[in-house]
Amino acid sequence: MSAPSRDTDRLREAFEASVKSDMDKNLLIKQLFDHNDQLSTQLSNASTQLSKVESDLRDERDRNTRSGKQIGDPELQLTKLKQKISRDKFVAVLVDGNCMPFLVGIVRKGREGGQNAAVLLKYNIEKYLKANIPGAVGSLKIVIRLYADILGLHRLYNGSGNVLQIVGLEEFIRGFNMADPLCDFVDAGTGKGCTNIKLNESLKFYLSNVNCKHVIFGASADDAYAPLLEPLSLDKELSRRLTLLRGPPFAVAKMAPLALKFGTFSFEGVFRKINLFGKEPLPLTQPDSLDTEYTGINT
């Protein structure tokens, strides 16, 4: 082979080597770009995932916040409910006005006598509660409901020899009702059974009322209430919440034995100590003032 041919071959080989080198470099550069694209894609994916995780965390935090409020609201409502119940607690005083008649001397004073009777009754109830239910006075309202067959009561007063005008009795009742917003003297209707029904249902209602912490029940002279009181005497929880108020003596046949199973008390200056049809005369005068001499409690 001549010298020019060899030179040509060397140049060709060099060219081919150079071309191959350029191809390798181009391939390398392409691979670098491809790798860069892959890294960019991965970075973008990672960024997207991070954003999603951050969004999920924010949503979870918001849910926890809302959940915390939802949990807190019932607790707040429960607290408010307990406060409301505490404000609404009361003692119920239920009296049968036919078998627990007021002293004639008070009734004859009409409206003034009714106001005095209500004040004296509430005063003695508060005194009893203070001595027997710690913390009751001041924290418990006193709701007084006195039921009677008014026409029948008027006949009882007159039949016992203590003549009263029906207008005078009505004025007494008005005074009683005006003395305190929670004192009510209610005409139960004509017939003794009307009063019994009112008292029976009222006693059941108040004993089942969660806000009623105690009931004072005044119907000492009437055995008709024994069937209602008998089962209550067997329930320790209910019997502790019930006190029997004594005016005339407890009826011997049924009420007297039952009275031994409940707390009982009485006080002077408001109710008669004997029935209206009893033989002993009624006192015709009562004190004008609310002196404590007339408001002692006999337990």
C-alpha atoms as a PDB file:
ATOM      1  CA  MET A   1       0.000   0.000   0.000  1.00  0.00           C
ATOM      2  CA  SER A   2       1.335   3.391  -0.946  1.00  0.00           C
ATOM      3  CA  ALA A   3       1.950   6.117   1.581  1.00  0.00           C
ATOM      4  CA  PRO A   4      -1.046   8.241   0.512  1.00  0.00           C
ATOM      5  CA  SER A   5      -3.388   5.316   0.962  1.00  0.00           C
ATOM      6  CA  ARG A   6      -2.119   4.640   4.454  1.00  0.00           C
ATOM      7  CA  ASP A   7      -2.571   8.294   5.364  1.00  0.00           C
ATOM      8  CA  THR A   8      -6.093   8.191   4.065  1.00  0.00           C
ATOM      9  CA  ASP A   9      -6.884   5.114   6.079  1.00  0.00           C
ATOM     10  CA  ARG A  10      -5.497   6.728   9.249  1.00  0.00           C
ATOM     11  CA  LEU A  11      -7.558   9.849   8.654  1.00  0.00           C
ATOM     12  CA  ARG A  12     -10.651   7.756   8.040  1.00  0.00           C
ATOM     13  CA  GLU A  13     -10.067   5.824  11.244  1.00  0.00           C
ATOM     14  CA  ALA A  14      -9.466   9.052  13.121  1.00  0.00           C
ATOM     15  CA  PHE A  15     -12.665  10.513  11.639  1.00  0.00           C
ATOM     16  CA  GLU A  16     -14.640   7.454  12.496  1.00  0.00           C
ATOM     17  CA  ALA A  17     -13.214   7.507  16.008  1.00  0.00           C
ATOM     18  CA  SER A  18     -14.093  11.179  16.294  1.00  0.00           C
ATOM     19  CA  VAL A  19     -17.625  10.511  15.037  1.00  0.00           C
ATOM     20  CA  LYS A  20     -17.981   7.633  17.490  1.00  0.00           C
ATOM     21  CA  SER A  21     -16.704   9.866  20.277  1.00  0.00           C
ATOM     22  CA  ASP A  22     -19.228  12.551  19.357  1.00  0.00           C
ATOM     23  CA  MET A  23     -21.972   9.949  19.336  1.00  0.00           C
ATOM     24  CA  ASP A  24     -20.875   8.777  22.759  1.00  0.00           C
ATOM     25  CA  LYS A  25     -20.861  12.342  24.007  1.00  0.00           C
ATOM     26  CA  ASN A  26     -24.298  12.980  22.516  1.00  0.00           C
ATOM     27  CA  LEU A  27     -25.575   9.798  24.058  1.00  0.00           C
ATOM     28  CA  LEU A  28     -24.123  10.811  27.411  1.00  0.00           C
ATOM     29  CA  ILE A  29     -25.647  14.252  27.139  1.00  0.00           C
ATOM     30  CA  LYS A  30     -29.002  12.710  26.207  1.00  0.00           C
ATOM     31  CA  GLN A  31     -28.750  10.338  29.159  1.00  0.00           C
ATOM     32  CA  LEU A  32     -27.968  13.293  31.445  1.00  0.00           C
ATOM     33  CA  PHE A  33     -31.027  15.164  30.166  1.00  0.00           C
ATOM     34  CA  ASP A  34     -33.189  12.054  30.564  1.00  0.00           C
ATOM     35  CA  HIS A  35     -31.904  11.568  34.125  1.00  0.00           C
ATOM     36  CA  ASN A  36     -32.590  15.205  34.841  1.00  0.00           C
ATOM     37  CA  ASP A  37     -36.132  14.786  33.515  1.00  0.00           C
ATOM     38  CA  GLN A  38     -36.606  11.764  35.750  1.00  0.00           C
ATOM     39  CA  LEU A  39     -35.330  13.676  38.782  1.00  0.00           C
ATOM     40  CA  SER A  40     -37.621  16.597  37.938  1.00  0.00           C
ATOM     41  CA  THR A  41     -40.580  14.245  37.648  1.00  0.00           C
ATOM     42  CA  GLN A  42     -39.714  12.578  40.952  1.00  0.00           C
ATOM     43  CA  LEU A  43     -39.280  15.945  42.610  1.00  0.00           C
ATOM     44  CA  SER A  44     -42.613  17.085  41.236  1.00  0.00           C
ATOM     45  CA  ASN A  45     -44.271  13.895  42.453  1.00  0.00           C
ATOM     46  CA  ALA A  46     -42.655  14.287  45.868  1.00  0.00           C
ATOM     47  CA  SER A  47     -43.828  17.892  46.036  1.00  0.00           C
ATOM     48  CA  THR A  48     -47.350  16.834  45.113  1.00  0.00           C
ATOM     49  CA  GLN A  49     -47.297  14.118  47.771  1.00  0.00           C
ATOM     50  CA  LEU A  50     -45.965  16.579  50.352  1.00  0.00           C
ATOM     51  CA  SER A  51     -48.754  19.032  49.514  1.00  0.00           C
ATOM     52  CA  LYS A  52     -51.303  16.252  49.891  1.00  0.00           C
ATOM     53  CA  VAL A  53     -49.829  15.209  53.242  1.00  0.00           C
ATOM     54  CA  GLU A  54     -49.901  18.830  54.442  1.00  0.00           C
ATOM     55  CA  SER A  55     -53.501  19.151  53.252  1.00  0.00           C
ATOM     56  CA  ASP A  56     -54.445  15.924  55.032  1.00  0.00           C
ATOM     57  CA  LEU A  57     -52.777  17.169  58.197  1.00  0.00           C
ATOM     58  CA  ARG A  58     -54.687  20.447  58.016  1.00  0.00           C
ATOM     59  CA  ASP A  59     -57.952  18.577  57.459  1.00  0.00           C
ATOM     60  CA  GLU A  60     -57.200  16.289  60.391  1.00  0.00           C
ATOM     61  CA  ARG A  61     -56.376  19.265  62.589  1.00  0.00           C
ATOM     62  CA  ASP A  62     -59.624  20.949  61.560  1.00  0.00           C
ATOM     63  CA  ARG A  63     -61.576  17.776  62.282  1.00  0.00           C
ATOM     64  CA  ASN A  64     -59.941  17.493  65.688  1.00  0.00           C
ATOM     65  CA  THR A  65     -60.768  21.112  66.394  1.00  0.00           C
ATOM     66  CA  ARG A  66     -64.382  20.622  65.368  1.00  0.00           C
ATOM     67  CA  SER A  67     -64.521  17.385  67.337  1.00  0.00           C
ATOM     68  CA  GLY A  68     -63.129  19.162  70.369  1.00  0.00           C
ATOM     69  CA  LYS A  69     -65.860  21.769  70.084  1.00  0.00           C
ATOM     70  CA  GLN A  70     -68.505  19.094  69.656  1.00  0.00           C
ATOM     71  CA  ILE A  71     -67.259  17.363  72.779  1.00  0.00           C
ATOM     72  CA  GLY A  72     -67.065  20.633  74.641  1.00  0.00           C
ATOM     73  CA  ASP A  73     -70.567  21.823  73.739  1.00  0.00           C
ATOM     74  CA  PRO A  74     -72.435  18.949  75.449  1.00  0.00           C
ATOM     75  CA  GLU A  75     -70.306  19.437  78.548  1.00  0.00           C
ATOM     76  CA  LEU A  76     -71.158  23.117  78.546  1.00  0.00           C
ATOM     77  CA  GLN A  77     -74.815  22.301  77.973  1.00  0.00           C
ATOM     78  CA  LEU A  78     -74.704  19.758  80.814  1.00  0.00           C
ATOM     79  CA  THR A  79     -73.166  22.355  83.118  1.00  0.00           C
ATOM     80  CA  LYS A  80     -75.837  24.873  82.173  1.00  0.00           C
ATOM     81  CA  LEU A  81     -78.537  22.243  82.636  1.00  0.00           C
ATOM     82  CA  LYS A  82     -77.219  21.388  86.109  1.00  0.00           C
ATOM     83  CA  GLN A  83     -77.195  25.089  86.982  1.00  0.00           C
ATOM     84  CA  LYS A  84     -80.751  25.456  85.725  1.00  0.00           C
ATOM     85  CA  ILE A  85     -81.903  22.405  87.679  1.00  0.00           C
ATOM     86  CA  SER A  86     -80.176  23.781  90.757  1.00  0.00           C
ATOM     87  CA  ARG A  87     -82.023  27.091  90.330  1.00  0.00           C
ATOM     88  CA  ASP A  88     -85.346  25.306  89.837  1.00  0.00           C
ATOM     89  CA  LYS A  89     -85.194  22.998  92.869  1.00  0.00           C
ATOM     90  CA  PHE A  90     -88.134  23.340  95.202  1.00  0.00           C
ATOM     91  CA  VAL A  91     -90.119  21.879  98.071  1.00  0.00           C
ATOM     92  CA  ALA A  92     -93.816  21.173  97.518  1.00  0.00           C
ATOM     93  CA  VAL A  93     -96.328  21.708 100.322  1.00  0.00           C
ATOM     94  CA  LEU A  94     -99.671  19.984  99.665  1.00  0.00           C
ATOM     95  CA  VAL A  95    -102.575  20.534 102.051  1.00  0.00           C
ATOM     96  CA  ASP A  96    -106.156  19.267 102.162  1.00  0.00           C
ATOM     97  CA  GLY A  97    -108.029  22.350 103.326  1.00  0.00           C
ATOM     98  CA  ASN A  98    -111.127  20.373 104.298  1.00  0.00           C
ATOM     99  CA  CYS A  99    -109.423  18.049 106.783  1.00  0.00           C
ATOM    100  CA  MET A 100    -106.738  20.603 107.751  1.00  0.00           C
ATOM    101  CA  PRO A 101    -108.932  23.690 108.421  1.00  0.00           C
ATOM    102  CA  PHE A 102    -107.451  27.035 109.414  1.00  0.00           C
ATOM    103  CA  LEU A 103    -108.228  28.530 112.794  1.00  0.00           C
ATOM    104  CA  VAL A 104    -111.510  30.435 112.695  1.00  0.00           C
ATOM    105  CA  GLY A 105    -109.878  33.473 114.285  1.00  0.00           C
ATOM    106  CA  ILE A 106    -107.577  33.803 111.275  1.00  0.00           C
ATOM    107  CA  VAL A 107    -110.290  33.102 108.699  1.00  0.00           C
ATOM    108  CA  ARG A 108    -112.576  35.757 110.213  1.00  0.00           C
ATOM    109  CA  LYS A 109    -109.939  38.389 109.465  1.00  0.00           C
ATOM    110  CA  GLY A 110    -110.645  37.939 105.780  1.00  0.00           C
ATOM    111  CA  ARG A 111    -107.956  39.047 103.395  1.00  0.00           C
ATOM    112  CA  GLU A 112    -105.553  40.063 106.151  1.00  0.00           C
ATOM    113  CA  GLY A 113    -106.035  36.704 107.846  1.00  0.00           C
ATOM    114  CA  GLY A 114    -105.325  34.885 104.581  1.00  0.00           C
ATOM    115  CA  GLN A 115    -102.098  36.792 104.092  1.00  0.00           C
ATOM    116  CA  ASN A 116    -101.027  36.103 107.669  1.00  0.00           C
ATOM    117  CA  ALA A 117    -101.885  32.415 107.296  1.00  0.00           C
ATOM    118  CA  ALA A 118     -99.728  32.085 104.175  1.00  0.00           C
ATOM    119  CA  VAL A 119     -96.811  33.922 105.773  1.00  0.00           C
ATOM    120  CA  LEU A 120     -97.037  31.829 108.957  1.00  0.00           C
ATOM    121  CA  LEU A 121     -97.304  28.607 106.982  1.00  0.00           C
ATOM    122  CA  LYS A 122     -94.267  29.410 104.845  1.00  0.00           C
ATOM    123  CA  TYR A 123     -92.309  30.605 107.885  1.00  0.00           C
ATOM    124  CA  ASN A 124     -92.854  27.340 109.721  1.00  0.00           C
ATOM    125  CA  ILE A 125     -92.078  25.269 106.633  1.00  0.00           C
ATOM    126  CA  GLU A 126     -88.770  27.122 106.272  1.00  0.00           C
ATOM    127  CA  LYS A 127     -88.062  26.554 109.945  1.00  0.00           C
ATOM    128  CA  TYR A 128     -88.688  22.835 109.571  1.00  0.00           C
ATOM    129  CA  LEU A 129     -86.524  22.590 106.443  1.00  0.00           C
ATOM    130  CA  LYS A 130     -83.689  24.476 108.098  1.00  0.00           C
ATOM    131  CA  ALA A 131     -83.690  22.016 110.982  1.00  0.00           C
ATOM    132  CA  ASN A 132     -84.106  18.849 108.933  1.00  0.00           C
ATOM    133  CA  ILE A 133     -82.741  19.429 105.420  1.00  0.00           C
ATOM    134  CA  PRO A 134     -79.325  21.158 105.544  1.00  0.00           C
ATOM    135  CA  GLY A 135     -78.877  23.823 102.882  1.00  0.00           C
ATOM    136  CA  ALA A 136     -82.544  23.777 101.903  1.00  0.00           C
ATOM    137  CA  VAL A 137     -83.500  27.266 103.061  1.00  0.00           C
ATOM    138  CA  GLY A 138     -82.369  29.857 100.535  1.00  0.00           C
ATOM    139  CA  SER A 139     -81.559  27.298  97.848  1.00  0.00           C
ATOM    140  CA  LEU A 140     -85.011  25.728  97.521  1.00  0.00           C
ATOM    141  CA  LYS A 141     -88.204  27.490  96.524  1.00  0.00           C
ATOM    142  CA  ILE A 142     -91.324  26.620  98.511  1.00  0.00           C
ATOM    143  CA  VAL A 143     -94.398  25.864  96.429  1.00  0.00           C
ATOM    144  CA  ILE A 144     -97.620  25.723  98.484  1.00  0.00           C
ATOM    145  CA  ARG A 145    -100.768  24.157  97.017  1.00  0.00           C
ATOM    146  CA  LEU A 146    -103.821  24.030  99.280  1.00  0.00           C
ATOM    147  CA  TYR A 147    -106.920  22.347  97.836  1.00  0.00           C
ATOM    148  CA  ALA A 148    -110.437  22.389  99.272  1.00  0.00           C
ATOM    149  CA  ASP A 149    -114.094  22.093  98.400  1.00  0.00           C
ATOM    150  CA  ILE A 150    -114.807  25.725  99.267  1.00  0.00           C
ATOM    151  CA  LEU A 151    -118.578  25.369  99.612  1.00  0.00           C
ATOM    152  CA  GLY A 152    -118.126  22.226 101.673  1.00  0.00           C
ATOM    153  CA  LEU A 153    -115.541  23.981 103.841  1.00  0.00           C
ATOM    154  CA  HIS A 154    -117.935  26.865 104.419  1.00  0.00           C
ATOM    155  CA  ARG A 155    -120.613  24.414 105.533  1.00  0.00           C
ATOM    156  CA  LEU A 156    -118.133  22.729 107.883  1.00  0.00           C
ATOM    157  CA  TYR A 157    -117.259  26.030 109.552  1.00  0.00           C
ATOM    158  CA  ASN A 158    -120.912  26.965 109.980  1.00  0.00           C
ATOM    159  CA  GLY A 159    -121.891  23.463 111.052  1.00  0.00           C
ATOM    160  CA  SER A 160    -119.379  23.592 113.885  1.00  0.00           C
ATOM    161  CA  GLY A 161    -121.128  26.620 115.362  1.00  0.00           C
ATOM    162  CA  ASN A 162    -118.635  29.145 114.026  1.00  0.00           C
ATOM    163  CA  VAL A 163    -120.716  31.182 111.617  1.00  0.00           C
ATOM    164  CA  LEU A 164    -118.756  32.558 108.669  1.00  0.00           C
ATOM    165  CA  GLN A 165    -120.016  34.500 105.702  1.00  0.00           C
ATOM    166  CA  ILE A 166    -119.000  32.884 102.412  1.00  0.00           C
ATOM    167  CA  VAL A 167    -117.702  36.290 101.314  1.00  0.00           C
ATOM    168  CA  GLY A 168    -115.411  36.365 104.334  1.00  0.00           C
ATOM    169  CA  LEU A 169    -114.015  32.927 103.458  1.00  0.00           C
ATOM    170  CA  GLU A 170    -113.467  34.011  99.865  1.00  0.00           C
ATOM    171  CA  GLU A 171    -111.624  37.128 101.061  1.00  0.00           C
ATOM    172  CA  PHE A 172    -109.453  34.923 103.256  1.00  0.00           C
ATOM    173  CA  ILE A 173    -108.596  32.793 100.213  1.00  0.00           C
ATOM    174  CA  ARG A 174    -107.770  35.882  98.159  1.00  0.00           C
ATOM    175  CA  GLY A 175    -105.442  37.121 100.868  1.00  0.00           C
ATOM    176  CA  PHE A 176    -103.746  33.712 101.037  1.00  0.00           C
ATOM    177  CA  ASN A 177    -103.180  33.723  97.271  1.00  0.00           C
ATOM    178  CA  MET A 178    -101.884  37.309  97.297  1.00  0.00           C
ATOM    179  CA  ALA A 179     -99.345  36.710 100.050  1.00  0.00           C
ATOM    180  CA  ASP A 180     -96.789  34.896  97.903  1.00  0.00           C
ATOM    181  CA  PRO A 181     -96.508  34.118  94.162  1.00  0.00           C
ATOM    182  CA  LEU A 182     -96.014  30.433  94.966  1.00  0.00           C
ATOM    183  CA  CYS A 183     -98.921  30.137  97.443  1.00  0.00           C
ATOM    184  CA  ASP A 184    -102.189  28.907  95.958  1.00  0.00           C
ATOM    185  CA  PHE A 185    -105.486  28.135  97.694  1.00  0.00           C
ATOM    186  CA  VAL A 186    -107.434  26.250  95.022  1.00  0.00           C
ATOM    187  CA  ASP A 187    -111.132  25.420  94.879  1.00  0.00           C
ATOM    188  CA  ALA A 188    -110.969  21.701  93.996  1.00  0.00           C
ATOM    189  CA  GLY A 189    -114.676  21.499  93.139  1.00  0.00           C
ATOM    190  CA  THR A 190    -117.823  20.421  94.909  1.00  0.00           C
ATOM    191  CA  GLY A 191    -117.582  17.167  96.856  1.00  0.00           C
ATOM    192  CA  LYS A 192    -114.885  15.851  99.176  1.00  0.00           C
ATOM    193  CA  GLY A 193    -113.692  13.406  96.510  1.00  0.00           C
ATOM    194  CA  CYS A 194    -112.547  16.313  94.347  1.00  0.00           C
ATOM    195  CA  THR A 195    -109.993  17.383  96.930  1.00  0.00           C
ATOM    196  CA  ASN A 196    -108.767  13.811  97.406  1.00  0.00           C
ATOM    197  CA  ILE A 197    -108.212  13.394  93.679  1.00  0.00           C
ATOM    198  CA  LYS A 198    -106.315  16.678  93.430  1.00  0.00           C
ATOM    199  CA  LEU A 199    -104.054  15.824  96.366  1.00  0.00           C
ATOM    200  CA  ASN A 200    -103.449  12.251  95.197  1.00  0.00           C
ATOM    201  CA  GLU A 201    -102.379  13.279  91.702  1.00  0.00           C
ATOM    202  CA  SER A 202    -100.368  16.250  92.955  1.00  0.00           C
ATOM    203  CA  LEU A 203     -98.419  14.056  95.365  1.00  0.00           C
ATOM    204  CA  LYS A 204     -97.601  11.578  92.579  1.00  0.00           C
ATOM    205  CA  PHE A 205     -96.586  14.398  90.270  1.00  0.00           C
ATOM    206  CA  TYR A 206     -94.253  16.130  92.699  1.00  0.00           C
ATOM    207  CA  LEU A 207     -92.592  12.933  93.927  1.00  0.00           C
ATOM    208  CA  SER A 208     -91.799  12.041  90.311  1.00  0.00           C
ATOM    209  CA  ASN A 209     -90.421  15.510  89.570  1.00  0.00           C
ATOM    210  CA  VAL A 210     -86.605  15.509  89.655  1.00  0.00           C
ATOM    211  CA  ASN A 211     -86.583  19.169  90.722  1.00  0.00           C
ATOM    212  CA  CYS A 212     -88.835  18.519  93.715  1.00  0.00           C
ATOM    213  CA  LYS A 213     -86.497  17.673  96.571  1.00  0.00           C
ATOM    214  CA  HIS A 214     -89.095  17.201  99.306  1.00  0.00           C
ATOM    215  CA  VAL A 215     -92.856  17.077  99.773  1.00  0.00           C
ATOM    216  CA  ILE A 216     -94.730  18.132 102.913  1.00  0.00           C
ATOM    217  CA  PHE A 217     -98.185  16.557 102.905  1.00  0.00           C
ATOM    218  CA  GLY A 218    -100.960  17.888 105.117  1.00  0.00           C
ATOM    219  CA  ALA A 219    -104.025  15.654 105.339  1.00  0.00           C
ATOM    220  CA  SER A 220    -103.663  14.174 108.802  1.00  0.00           C
ATOM    221  CA  ALA A 221    -107.336  13.644 109.630  1.00  0.00           C
ATOM    222  CA  ASP A 222    -108.380  11.775 106.475  1.00  0.00           C
ATOM    223  CA  ASP A 223    -107.867   8.004 106.116  1.00  0.00           C
ATOM    224  CA  ALA A 224    -108.748   8.307 102.420  1.00  0.00           C
ATOM    225  CA  TYR A 225    -105.075   9.070 101.709  1.00  0.00           C
ATOM    226  CA  ALA A 226    -103.815   5.867 103.333  1.00  0.00           C
ATOM    227  CA  PRO A 227    -103.963   3.743 100.123  1.00  0.00           C
ATOM    228  CA  LEU A 228    -101.687   6.263  98.410  1.00  0.00           C
ATOM    229  CA  LEU A 229     -99.254   6.594 101.313  1.00  0.00           C
ATOM    230  CA  GLU A 230     -98.981   2.885 102.125  1.00  0.00           C
ATOM    231  CA  PRO A 231     -96.819   1.885  99.123  1.00  0.00           C
ATOM    232  CA  LEU A 232     -94.727   5.040  99.540  1.00  0.00           C
ATOM    233  CA  SER A 233     -93.929   4.017 103.107  1.00  0.00           C
ATOM    234  CA  LEU A 234     -92.291   0.846 101.725  1.00  0.00           C
ATOM    235  CA  ASP A 235     -89.937   2.794  99.468  1.00  0.00           C
ATOM    236  CA  LYS A 236     -87.032   4.161 101.519  1.00  0.00           C
ATOM    237  CA  GLU A 237     -86.044   6.785  98.973  1.00  0.00           C
ATOM    238  CA  LEU A 238     -89.568   8.160  98.562  1.00  0.00           C
ATOM    239  CA  SER A 239     -90.420   7.965 102.243  1.00  0.00           C
ATOM    240  CA  ARG A 240     -87.341  10.072 103.026  1.00  0.00           C
ATOM    241  CA  ARG A 241     -88.623  12.734 100.634  1.00  0.00           C
ATOM    242  CA  LEU A 242     -92.055  12.913 102.259  1.00  0.00           C
ATOM    243  CA  THR A 243     -93.032  14.544 105.557  1.00  0.00           C
ATOM    244  CA  LEU A 244     -96.544  14.457 107.014  1.00  0.00           C
ATOM    245  CA  LEU A 245     -97.851  17.739 108.410  1.00  0.00           C
ATOM    246  CA  ARG A 246    -100.134  17.303 111.407  1.00  0.00           C
ATOM    247  CA  GLY A 247    -103.075  19.604 112.059  1.00  0.00           C
ATOM    248  CA  PRO A 248    -105.855  17.614 113.724  1.00  0.00           C
ATOM    249  CA  PRO A 249    -104.644  14.235 115.041  1.00  0.00           C
ATOM    250  CA  PHE A 250    -103.830  11.556 112.489  1.00  0.00           C
ATOM    251  CA  ALA A 251    -106.898   9.462 111.723  1.00  0.00           C
ATOM    252  CA  VAL A 252    -106.677   6.493 114.084  1.00  0.00           C
ATOM    253  CA  ALA A 253    -107.609   3.656 111.737  1.00  0.00           C
ATOM    254  CA  LYS A 254    -104.994   4.106 109.011  1.00  0.00           C
ATOM    255  CA  MET A 255    -103.165   7.424 109.040  1.00  0.00           C
ATOM    256  CA  ALA A 256    -101.848   7.112 112.595  1.00  0.00           C
ATOM    257  CA  PRO A 257     -99.994   3.795 111.931  1.00  0.00           C
ATOM    258  CA  LEU A 258     -98.682   5.155 108.629  1.00  0.00           C
ATOM    259  CA  ALA A 259     -97.409   8.332 110.267  1.00  0.00           C
ATOM    260  CA  LEU A 260     -94.885   6.231 112.183  1.00  0.00           C
ATOM    261  CA  LYS A 261     -93.186   5.413 108.877  1.00  0.00           C
ATOM    262  CA  PHE A 262     -92.655   9.025 107.801  1.00  0.00           C
ATOM    263  CA  GLY A 263     -91.238  12.166 109.294  1.00  0.00           C
ATOM    264  CA  THR A 264     -93.976  14.276 110.899  1.00  0.00           C
ATOM    265  CA  PHE A 265     -94.234  17.736 112.397  1.00  0.00           C
ATOM    266  CA  SER A 266     -96.772  20.373 113.429  1.00  0.00           C
ATOM    267  CA  PHE A 267     -96.826  24.002 114.525  1.00  0.00           C
ATOM    268  CA  GLU A 268     -99.144  26.387 116.313  1.00  0.00           C
ATOM    269  CA  GLY A 269    -101.192  29.351 115.188  1.00  0.00           C
ATOM    270  CA  VAL A 270    -102.404  28.307 111.715  1.00  0.00           C
ATOM    271  CA  PHE A 271    -104.344  25.019 111.606  1.00  0.00           C
ATOM    272  CA  ARG A 272    -106.917  23.665 114.014  1.00  0.00           C
ATOM    273  CA  LYS A 273    -105.833  20.858 116.299  1.00  0.00           C
ATOM    274  CA  ILE A 274    -109.252  19.202 116.100  1.00  0.00           C
ATOM    275  CA  ASN A 275    -111.662  18.690 113.218  1.00  0.00           C
ATOM    276  CA  LEU A 276    -114.333  21.290 112.528  1.00  0.00           C
ATOM    277  CA  PHE A 277    -116.972  18.826 113.652  1.00  0.00           C
ATOM    278  CA  GLY A 278    -115.167  18.352 116.971  1.00  0.00           C
ATOM    279  CA  LYS A 279    -116.811  19.434 120.202  1.00  0.00           C
ATOM    280  CA  GLU A 280    -114.098  21.769 121.446  1.00  0.00           C
ATOM    281  CA  PRO A 281    -114.725  25.465 120.682  1.00  0.00           C
ATOM    282  CA  LEU A 282    -112.479  27.250 118.239  1.00  0.00           C
ATOM    283  CA  PRO A 283    -110.380  30.209 119.428  1.00  0.00           C
ATOM    284  CA  LEU A 284    -111.888  33.389 118.065  1.00  0.00           C
ATOM    285  CA  THR A 285    -108.779  35.582 118.108  1.00  0.00           C
ATOM    286  CA  GLN A 286    -105.304  35.314 116.672  1.00  0.00           C
ATOM    287  CA  PRO A 287    -102.228  37.497 117.098  1.00  0.00           C
ATOM    288  CA  ASP A 288    -101.978  40.482 114.780  1.00  0.00           C
ATOM    289  CA  SER A 289     -98.205  40.105 114.467  1.00  0.00           C
ATOM    290  CA  LEU A 290     -96.113  37.157 113.321  1.00  0.00           C
ATOM    291  CA  ASP A 291     -94.554  36.665 116.748  1.00  0.00           C
ATOM    292  CA  THR A 292     -92.428  33.512 117.013  1.00  0.00           C
ATOM    293  CA  GLU A 293     -94.518  32.536 120.032  1.00  0.00           C
ATOM    294  CA  TYR A 294     -97.127  31.330 117.558  1.00  0.00           C
ATOM    295  CA  THR A 295     -94.740  29.640 115.137  1.00  0.00           C
ATOM    296  CA  GLY A 296     -93.073  26.943 117.206  1.00  0.00           C
ATOM    297  CA  ILE A 297     -92.515  23.518 115.620  1.00  0.00           C
ATOM    298  CA  ASN A 298     -93.456  20.340 117.412  1.00  0.00           C
ATOM    299  CA  THR A 299     -91.562  17.405 115.955  1.00  0.00           C
END
